[in-house]
């Protein structure tokens, strides 16, 4: 069986738990208007209205960009946003 590797990010939710999505499915992100320590992430089909994650916008941007430009062969299996 051939394993298919997809670049994904695991992002913590403000009230606990996590959300996982494909890196290339993320359309954009904004700072949360009520709490600057949170980020609203917009995902194409799964959550186009946005999902709030427990990560500030600068940390999210760094992780998202790194995941977009890092070749799959160099990605660590435990790479996540926490």
N, C-alpha and C. Protein backbone atom coordinates (compact mmCIF):
# COMPACT_ATOMS: atom_id res chain seq x y z
N UNK A 1 0.84 -1.17 0.00
CA UNK A 1 0.00 0.00 0.00
C UNK A 1 0.90 1.24 0.00
N UNK A 2 0.58 2.21 -0.84
CA UNK A 2 1.33 3.45 -0.92
C UNK A 2 0.71 4.47 0.02
N UNK A 3 1.55 5.07 0.85
CA UNK A 3 1.09 6.11 1.77
C UNK A 3 1.17 7.45 1.06
N UNK A 4 0.11 8.22 1.13
CA UNK A 4 0.09 9.56 0.56
C UNK A 4 0.30 10.55 1.69
N UNK A 5 1.29 11.41 1.54
CA UNK A 5 1.55 12.42 2.56
C UNK A 5 0.96 13.75 2.12
N UNK A 6 0.16 14.33 2.98
CA UNK A 6 -0.45 15.63 2.72
C UNK A 6 0.06 16.62 3.75
N UNK A 7 0.44 17.82 3.33
CA UNK A 7 0.85 18.82 4.31
C UNK A 7 -0.38 19.33 5.08
N UNK A 8 -0.38 19.11 6.38
CA UNK A 8 -1.49 19.55 7.23
C UNK A 8 -0.95 20.33 8.41
N UNK A 9 -1.82 21.13 8.99
CA UNK A 9 -1.51 21.85 10.22
C UNK A 9 -2.54 21.46 11.27
N UNK A 10 -2.06 21.23 12.48
CA UNK A 10 -2.93 21.01 13.62
C UNK A 10 -2.92 22.32 14.41
N UNK A 11 -4.11 22.88 14.63
CA UNK A 11 -4.21 24.18 15.29
C UNK A 11 -5.10 24.06 16.52
N UNK A 12 -4.65 24.60 17.67
CA UNK A 12 -5.44 24.52 18.90
C UNK A 12 -6.66 25.44 18.87
N UNK A 13 -7.75 24.96 19.42
CA UNK A 13 -8.97 25.76 19.54
C UNK A 13 -9.00 26.45 20.90
N UNK A 14 -9.63 27.62 20.99
CA UNK A 14 -9.61 28.39 22.24
C UNK A 14 -10.19 27.67 23.46
N UNK A 15 -11.19 26.83 23.26
CA UNK A 15 -11.83 26.15 24.39
C UNK A 15 -11.36 24.71 24.55
N UNK A 16 -10.21 24.38 23.94
CA UNK A 16 -9.67 23.03 24.02
C UNK A 16 -9.91 22.28 22.73
N UNK A 17 -9.14 21.24 22.55
CA UNK A 17 -9.24 20.48 21.32
C UNK A 17 -8.41 21.12 20.22
N UNK A 18 -8.47 20.54 19.05
CA UNK A 18 -7.70 21.03 17.91
C UNK A 18 -8.50 20.86 16.63
N UNK A 19 -8.07 21.58 15.62
CA UNK A 19 -8.61 21.40 14.27
C UNK A 19 -7.42 21.10 13.37
N UNK A 20 -7.62 20.22 12.41
CA UNK A 20 -6.57 19.84 11.47
C UNK A 20 -7.08 20.13 10.06
N UNK A 21 -6.24 20.79 9.26
CA UNK A 21 -6.65 21.04 7.88
C UNK A 21 -5.44 21.02 6.96
N UNK A 22 -5.72 20.80 5.68
CA UNK A 22 -4.67 20.80 4.67
C UNK A 22 -4.13 22.22 4.52
N UNK A 23 -2.82 22.34 4.41
CA UNK A 23 -2.17 23.64 4.30
C UNK A 23 -2.69 24.41 3.10
N UNK A 24 -2.80 23.75 1.95
CA UNK A 24 -3.20 24.45 0.74
C UNK A 24 -4.69 24.81 0.72
N UNK A 25 -5.48 24.28 1.67
CA UNK A 25 -6.90 24.61 1.74
C UNK A 25 -7.15 25.91 2.48
N UNK A 26 -6.15 26.40 3.19
CA UNK A 26 -6.29 27.66 3.93
C UNK A 26 -6.28 28.81 2.93
N UNK A 27 -7.34 29.61 2.96
CA UNK A 27 -7.47 30.73 2.03
C UNK A 27 -6.90 32.02 2.59
N UNK A 28 -6.91 32.16 3.90
CA UNK A 28 -6.43 33.39 4.52
C UNK A 28 -6.69 33.37 6.01
N UNK A 29 -6.26 34.42 6.70
CA UNK A 29 -6.45 34.52 8.14
C UNK A 29 -6.46 35.99 8.54
N UNK A 30 -7.17 36.28 9.63
CA UNK A 30 -7.21 37.63 10.17
C UNK A 30 -7.05 37.56 11.68
N UNK A 31 -6.58 38.65 12.25
CA UNK A 31 -6.56 38.74 13.71
C UNK A 31 -8.00 38.74 14.20
N UNK A 32 -8.25 38.08 15.30
CA UNK A 32 -9.59 38.06 15.88
C UNK A 32 -9.88 39.45 16.44
N UNK A 33 -11.03 40.00 16.13
CA UNK A 33 -11.37 41.37 16.53
C UNK A 33 -11.60 41.53 18.03
N UNK A 34 -11.92 40.45 18.72
CA UNK A 34 -12.20 40.53 20.16
C UNK A 34 -10.99 40.20 21.02
N UNK A 35 -10.04 39.44 20.45
CA UNK A 35 -8.89 38.99 21.23
C UNK A 35 -7.69 38.87 20.30
N UNK A 36 -6.69 39.71 20.47
CA UNK A 36 -5.54 39.72 19.56
C UNK A 36 -4.65 38.49 19.70
N UNK A 37 -4.88 37.68 20.72
CA UNK A 37 -4.12 36.44 20.88
C UNK A 37 -4.71 35.28 20.07
N UNK A 38 -5.86 35.53 19.42
CA UNK A 38 -6.53 34.52 18.62
C UNK A 38 -6.48 34.91 17.14
N UNK A 39 -6.65 33.92 16.27
CA UNK A 39 -6.65 34.15 14.82
C UNK A 39 -7.86 33.46 14.20
N UNK A 40 -8.51 34.14 13.27
CA UNK A 40 -9.61 33.55 12.51
C UNK A 40 -9.04 33.06 11.18
N UNK A 41 -9.16 31.75 10.95
CA UNK A 41 -8.60 31.11 9.76
C UNK A 41 -9.74 30.71 8.83
N UNK A 42 -9.56 30.99 7.54
CA UNK A 42 -10.59 30.69 6.54
C UNK A 42 -10.11 29.54 5.67
N UNK A 43 -10.90 28.46 5.68
CA UNK A 43 -10.55 27.23 4.97
C UNK A 43 -11.59 27.00 3.88
N UNK A 44 -11.13 26.75 2.65
CA UNK A 44 -11.99 26.74 1.46
C UNK A 44 -13.33 26.05 1.63
N UNK A 45 -13.39 24.76 1.71
CA UNK A 45 -14.67 24.05 1.75
C UNK A 45 -15.12 23.77 3.18
N UNK A 46 -14.18 23.42 4.04
CA UNK A 46 -14.51 23.00 5.40
C UNK A 46 -15.12 24.13 6.22
N UNK A 47 -14.55 25.32 6.14
CA UNK A 47 -15.00 26.39 7.02
C UNK A 47 -14.76 27.76 6.38
N UNK A 48 -15.46 28.07 5.28
CA UNK A 48 -15.23 29.35 4.60
C UNK A 48 -15.63 30.56 5.44
N UNK A 49 -16.47 30.37 6.46
CA UNK A 49 -16.87 31.49 7.31
C UNK A 49 -15.83 31.77 8.40
N UNK A 50 -14.83 30.91 8.52
CA UNK A 50 -13.73 31.12 9.46
C UNK A 50 -13.86 30.28 10.71
N UNK A 51 -12.73 29.90 11.24
CA UNK A 51 -12.67 29.17 12.51
C UNK A 51 -11.62 29.85 13.37
N UNK A 52 -11.96 30.10 14.63
CA UNK A 52 -11.06 30.80 15.54
C UNK A 52 -10.11 29.79 16.19
N UNK A 53 -8.80 30.09 16.09
CA UNK A 53 -7.80 29.23 16.71
C UNK A 53 -7.06 29.99 17.80
N UNK A 54 -6.49 29.25 18.72
CA UNK A 54 -5.81 29.82 19.88
C UNK A 54 -4.33 30.05 19.58
N UNK A 55 -4.07 30.86 18.56
CA UNK A 55 -2.71 31.20 18.13
C UNK A 55 -2.77 32.64 17.63
N UNK A 56 -1.78 33.46 17.96
CA UNK A 56 -1.78 34.82 17.45
C UNK A 56 -1.45 34.83 15.96
N UNK A 57 -1.78 35.91 15.27
CA UNK A 57 -1.65 35.99 13.81
C UNK A 57 -0.21 35.84 13.35
N UNK A 58 0.75 36.39 14.08
CA UNK A 58 2.15 36.28 13.66
C UNK A 58 2.66 34.84 13.73
N UNK A 59 2.32 34.13 14.80
CA UNK A 59 2.73 32.73 14.92
C UNK A 59 2.06 31.88 13.85
N UNK A 60 0.77 32.14 13.61
CA UNK A 60 0.07 31.39 12.57
C UNK A 60 0.73 31.63 11.22
N UNK A 61 1.02 32.89 10.90
CA UNK A 61 1.62 33.23 9.61
C UNK A 61 2.95 32.52 9.42
N UNK A 62 3.79 32.51 10.43
CA UNK A 62 5.09 31.83 10.34
C UNK A 62 4.92 30.34 10.09
N UNK A 63 4.02 29.70 10.81
CA UNK A 63 3.79 28.26 10.65
C UNK A 63 3.16 27.93 9.30
N UNK A 64 2.21 28.73 8.87
CA UNK A 64 1.54 28.50 7.59
C UNK A 64 2.53 28.66 6.43
N UNK A 65 3.32 29.73 6.47
CA UNK A 65 4.31 29.96 5.42
C UNK A 65 5.35 28.84 5.39
N UNK A 66 5.83 28.43 6.57
CA UNK A 66 6.82 27.34 6.63
C UNK A 66 6.24 26.06 6.03
N UNK A 67 4.98 25.78 6.33
CA UNK A 67 4.34 24.57 5.80
C UNK A 67 4.14 24.67 4.29
N UNK A 68 3.88 25.86 3.78
CA UNK A 68 3.68 26.05 2.34
C UNK A 68 4.98 25.89 1.54
N UNK A 69 6.11 26.32 2.11
CA UNK A 69 7.35 26.31 1.35
C UNK A 69 8.27 25.14 1.65
N UNK A 70 7.98 24.37 2.68
CA UNK A 70 8.83 23.24 3.05
C UNK A 70 8.46 22.03 2.20
N UNK A 71 9.44 21.45 1.50
CA UNK A 71 9.15 20.23 0.72
C UNK A 71 8.66 19.11 1.63
N UNK A 72 7.76 18.29 1.13
CA UNK A 72 7.21 17.18 1.92
C UNK A 72 8.30 16.28 2.48
N UNK A 73 9.37 16.08 1.74
CA UNK A 73 10.44 15.19 2.19
C UNK A 73 11.16 15.73 3.42
N UNK A 74 11.04 17.03 3.67
CA UNK A 74 11.72 17.64 4.82
C UNK A 74 10.79 17.87 6.01
N UNK A 75 9.50 17.67 5.82
CA UNK A 75 8.57 17.92 6.92
C UNK A 75 8.67 16.83 7.97
N UNK A 76 8.69 17.27 9.21
CA UNK A 76 8.68 16.32 10.32
C UNK A 76 7.24 15.88 10.54
N UNK A 77 7.09 14.63 10.97
CA UNK A 77 5.73 14.12 11.21
C UNK A 77 5.06 14.82 12.37
N UNK A 78 5.83 15.35 13.32
CA UNK A 78 5.24 15.98 14.50
C UNK A 78 5.12 17.48 14.35
N UNK A 79 5.24 18.02 13.12
CA UNK A 79 5.14 19.45 12.90
C UNK A 79 3.71 19.90 13.11
N UNK A 80 3.50 20.72 14.12
CA UNK A 80 2.19 21.28 14.36
C UNK A 80 2.35 22.64 14.98
N UNK A 81 1.27 23.32 15.19
CA UNK A 81 1.32 24.71 15.58
C UNK A 81 1.44 24.93 17.08
N UNK A 82 1.24 23.95 17.90
CA UNK A 82 1.23 24.14 19.36
C UNK A 82 2.54 24.68 19.85
